Amino acid sequence: MTNKALSDLAVALCADFERRQRAIIEKSASRRVTMEYSYINTRMLLAASEIVGLGDAERFIYEIGHGVGYAQSEIAYRSESNYKVMKMRVKANILRRLHLCD
């Protein structure tokens, strides 16, 4: 992924994942907004799980959104280079699954 704006968008979407999830659970948003939040979060989880598996998907989303690096990662069982590649692939797949790029 070479476009910084798209990369930043993926990070921002990941950073906001938990807030959207809380709004869905607490039913604190309108029906339309809740529907959009559900769509975005579901597509993000699907995209991440296609790359790293369902067990690590939510953790990768969190770590991308909060700037967690390999040294502080709870998923540090992978090599550092593999971890960085997986994060990059997850970000790219999130953007593809949300139809924000090809």
C-alpha atoms as a PDB file:
ATOM      1  CA  MET A   1       0.000   0.000   0.000  1.00  0.00           C
ATOM      2  CA  THR A   2       1.787   3.120  -1.184  1.00  0.00           C
ATOM      3  CA  ASN A   3      -0.901   5.773  -0.755  1.00  0.00           C
ATOM      4  CA  LYS A   4      -0.439   7.464   2.638  1.00  0.00           C
ATOM      5  CA  ALA A   5      -4.011   8.806   2.696  1.00  0.00           C
ATOM      6  CA  LEU A   6      -5.419   5.288   2.260  1.00  0.00           C
ATOM      7  CA  SER A   7      -3.058   3.918   4.877  1.00  0.00           C
ATOM      8  CA  ASP A   8      -4.115   6.662   7.302  1.00  0.00           C
ATOM      9  CA  LEU A   9      -7.768   5.893   6.556  1.00  0.00           C
ATOM     10  CA  ALA A  10      -7.241   2.219   7.400  1.00  0.00           C
ATOM     11  CA  VAL A  11      -5.550   3.186  10.682  1.00  0.00           C
ATOM     12  CA  ALA A  12      -8.394   5.582  11.559  1.00  0.00           C
ATOM     13  CA  LEU A  13     -11.034   2.937  10.827  1.00  0.00           C
ATOM     14  CA  CYS A  14      -9.161   0.482  13.055  1.00  0.00           C
ATOM     15  CA  ALA A  15      -8.797   3.069  15.834  1.00  0.00           C
ATOM     16  CA  ASP A  16     -12.562   3.648  15.797  1.00  0.00           C
ATOM     17  CA  PHE A  17     -13.517  -0.056  15.757  1.00  0.00           C
ATOM     18  CA  GLU A  18     -14.145  -0.341  19.511  1.00  0.00           C
ATOM     19  CA  ARG A  19     -16.283   2.821  19.676  1.00  0.00           C
ATOM     20  CA  ARG A  20     -18.487   1.546  16.873  1.00  0.00           C
ATOM     21  CA  GLN A  21     -18.720  -1.857  18.570  1.00  0.00           C
ATOM     22  CA  ARG A  22     -19.846  -0.245  21.846  1.00  0.00           C
ATOM     23  CA  ALA A  23     -22.463   1.836  20.026  1.00  0.00           C
ATOM     24  CA  ILE A  24     -23.822  -1.321  18.387  1.00  0.00           C
ATOM     25  CA  ILE A  25     -24.001  -3.228  21.692  1.00  0.00           C
ATOM     26  CA  GLU A  26     -25.405  -0.324  23.708  1.00  0.00           C
ATOM     27  CA  LYS A  27     -27.822   0.679  20.928  1.00  0.00           C
ATOM     28  CA  SER A  28     -26.740   4.279  21.452  1.00  0.00           C
ATOM     29  CA  ALA A  29     -27.013   5.318  17.807  1.00  0.00           C
ATOM     30  CA  SER A  30     -29.888   5.570  15.357  1.00  0.00           C
ATOM     31  CA  ARG A  31     -30.889   2.460  13.432  1.00  0.00           C
ATOM     32  CA  ARG A  32     -29.273   3.738  10.248  1.00  0.00           C
ATOM     33  CA  VAL A  33     -25.967   4.569  11.969  1.00  0.00           C
ATOM     34  CA  THR A  34     -25.999   1.235  13.814  1.00  0.00           C
ATOM     35  CA  MET A  35     -26.529  -0.557  10.495  1.00  0.00           C
ATOM     36  CA  GLU A  36     -23.548   1.254   8.954  1.00  0.00           C
ATOM     37  CA  TYR A  37     -21.377   0.564  12.006  1.00  0.00           C
ATOM     38  CA  SER A  38     -22.296  -3.124  11.816  1.00  0.00           C
ATOM     39  CA  TYR A  39     -21.432  -3.243   8.122  1.00  0.00           C
ATOM     40  CA  ILE A  40     -18.061  -1.537   8.614  1.00  0.00           C
ATOM     41  CA  ASN A  41     -17.030  -3.647  11.619  1.00  0.00           C
ATOM     42  CA  THR A  42     -18.191  -6.910  10.054  1.00  0.00           C
ATOM     43  CA  ARG A  43     -16.288  -6.216   6.842  1.00  0.00           C
ATOM     44  CA  MET A  44     -13.191  -5.243   8.825  1.00  0.00           C
ATOM     45  CA  LEU A  45     -13.294  -8.446  10.885  1.00  0.00           C
ATOM     46  CA  LEU A  46     -13.798 -10.504   7.727  1.00  0.00           C
ATOM     47  CA  ALA A  47     -10.880  -8.764   6.016  1.00  0.00           C
ATOM     48  CA  ALA A  48      -8.543  -9.229   8.974  1.00  0.00           C
ATOM     49  CA  SER A  49      -9.579 -12.838   9.542  1.00  0.00           C
ATOM     50  CA  GLU A  50      -8.864 -13.681   5.900  1.00  0.00           C
ATOM     51  CA  ILE A  51      -5.240 -12.697   6.517  1.00  0.00           C
ATOM     52  CA  VAL A  52      -4.528 -13.701  10.146  1.00  0.00           C
ATOM     53  CA  GLY A  53      -7.420 -15.945  11.143  1.00  0.00           C
ATOM     54  CA  LEU A  54     -10.441 -15.133  13.270  1.00  0.00           C
ATOM     55  CA  GLY A  55      -8.548 -15.621  16.544  1.00  0.00           C
ATOM     56  CA  ASP A  56      -6.112 -12.770  15.844  1.00  0.00           C
ATOM     57  CA  ALA A  57      -8.314 -10.530  13.682  1.00  0.00           C
ATOM     58  CA  GLU A  58      -9.641  -8.236  16.396  1.00  0.00           C
ATOM     59  CA  ARG A  59      -6.209  -7.947  18.024  1.00  0.00           C
ATOM     60  CA  PHE A  60      -4.602  -6.924  14.732  1.00  0.00           C
ATOM     61  CA  ILE A  61      -7.332  -4.320  14.201  1.00  0.00           C
ATOM     62  CA  TYR A  62      -6.628  -2.940  17.684  1.00  0.00           C
ATOM     63  CA  GLU A  63      -2.872  -2.885  17.187  1.00  0.00           C
ATOM     64  CA  ILE A  64      -3.135  -1.173  13.798  1.00  0.00           C
ATOM     65  CA  GLY A  65      -5.492   1.462  15.162  1.00  0.00           C
ATOM     66  CA  HIS A  66      -3.475   2.172  18.286  1.00  0.00           C
ATOM     67  CA  GLY A  67      -0.011   2.086  16.758  1.00  0.00           C
ATOM     68  CA  VAL A  68       1.127  -0.955  18.705  1.00  0.00           C
ATOM     69  CA  GLY A  69       4.401  -2.262  17.336  1.00  0.00           C
ATOM     70  CA  TYR A  70       5.998  -5.676  17.407  1.00  0.00           C
ATOM     71  CA  ALA A  71       7.797  -5.109  20.724  1.00  0.00           C
ATOM     72  CA  GLN A  72       4.544  -4.373  22.603  1.00  0.00           C
ATOM     73  CA  SER A  73       2.324  -6.704  20.603  1.00  0.00           C
ATOM     74  CA  GLU A  74       0.327  -9.436  22.255  1.00  0.00           C
ATOM     75  CA  ILE A  75       0.705 -11.336  18.970  1.00  0.00           C
ATOM     76  CA  ALA A  76       4.494 -11.366  19.187  1.00  0.00           C
ATOM     77  CA  TYR A  77       4.805 -15.100  18.511  1.00  0.00           C
ATOM     78  CA  ARG A  78       5.496 -14.226  14.864  1.00  0.00           C
ATOM     79  CA  SER A  79       8.809 -12.884  13.603  1.00  0.00           C
ATOM     80  CA  GLU A  80       9.005  -9.093  13.452  1.00  0.00           C
ATOM     81  CA  SER A  81       9.209  -9.000   9.665  1.00  0.00           C
ATOM     82  CA  ASN A  82       6.258 -11.390   9.330  1.00  0.00           C
ATOM     83  CA  TYR A  83       4.259  -9.345  11.856  1.00  0.00           C
ATOM     84  CA  LYS A  84       4.837  -6.141   9.867  1.00  0.00           C
ATOM     85  CA  VAL A  85       3.885  -7.830   6.598  1.00  0.00           C
ATOM     86  CA  MET A  86       0.704  -9.204   8.175  1.00  0.00           C
ATOM     87  CA  LYS A  87      -0.273  -5.751   9.495  1.00  0.00           C
ATOM     88  CA  MET A  88       0.262  -4.252   6.055  1.00  0.00           C
ATOM     89  CA  ARG A  89      -1.788  -7.021   4.414  1.00  0.00           C
ATOM     90  CA  VAL A  90      -4.604  -6.621   6.971  1.00  0.00           C
ATOM     91  CA  LYS A  91      -4.759  -2.856   6.342  1.00  0.00           C
ATOM     92  CA  ALA A  92      -4.850  -3.374   2.566  1.00  0.00           C
ATOM     93  CA  ASN A  93      -7.520  -6.072   2.825  1.00  0.00           C
ATOM     94  CA  ILE A  94      -9.701  -3.892   5.068  1.00  0.00           C
ATOM     95  CA  LEU A  95      -9.639  -1.171   2.436  1.00  0.00           C
ATOM     96  CA  ARG A  96     -10.481  -3.706  -0.308  1.00  0.00           C
ATOM     97  CA  ARG A  97     -13.333  -5.280   1.678  1.00  0.00           C
ATOM     98  CA  LEU A  98     -14.832  -1.847   2.366  1.00  0.00           C
ATOM     99  CA  HIS A  99     -14.535  -1.080  -1.358  1.00  0.00           C
ATOM    100  CA  LEU A 100     -12.258   1.884  -0.745  1.00  0.00           C
ATOM    101  CA  CYS A 101      -9.634   0.635  -3.204  1.00  0.00           C
ATOM    102  CA  ASP A 102      -9.085  -2.178  -5.723  1.00  0.00           C
END
